[in-house]
Amino acid sequence: MTEFVSGNRYSSFLVRFWRDDNDAPWRGLVVHMATGERRSFASPERLLVYLLEQMETAVAPHYQVDTTNLDNKERLL
């Protein structure tokens, strides 16, 4: 997905969460509003980590995302 452009102060994303039924796990989708690019996630945690990583890469290089509480499956998605 397109990262924040260096020097920009913001980037817009549409974030969507759903589950297929009451017992199903939550899923997520991110759409970058400027490009229309989409990225799907099997867990809300991984989606949120992805957004934090986008911010870390572009806006705040000193900020590091802590993924220690995610299991291996979520880290790989």
Foldseek 3Di string as FASTA:
>chain_A
DDADDAPDPDWDKDKDWDAPDPPGAIKIKIAGVVPRDIDIARHPVLVVLVVVVSCCVHPNVPDDDDPVPPDPVSVVD
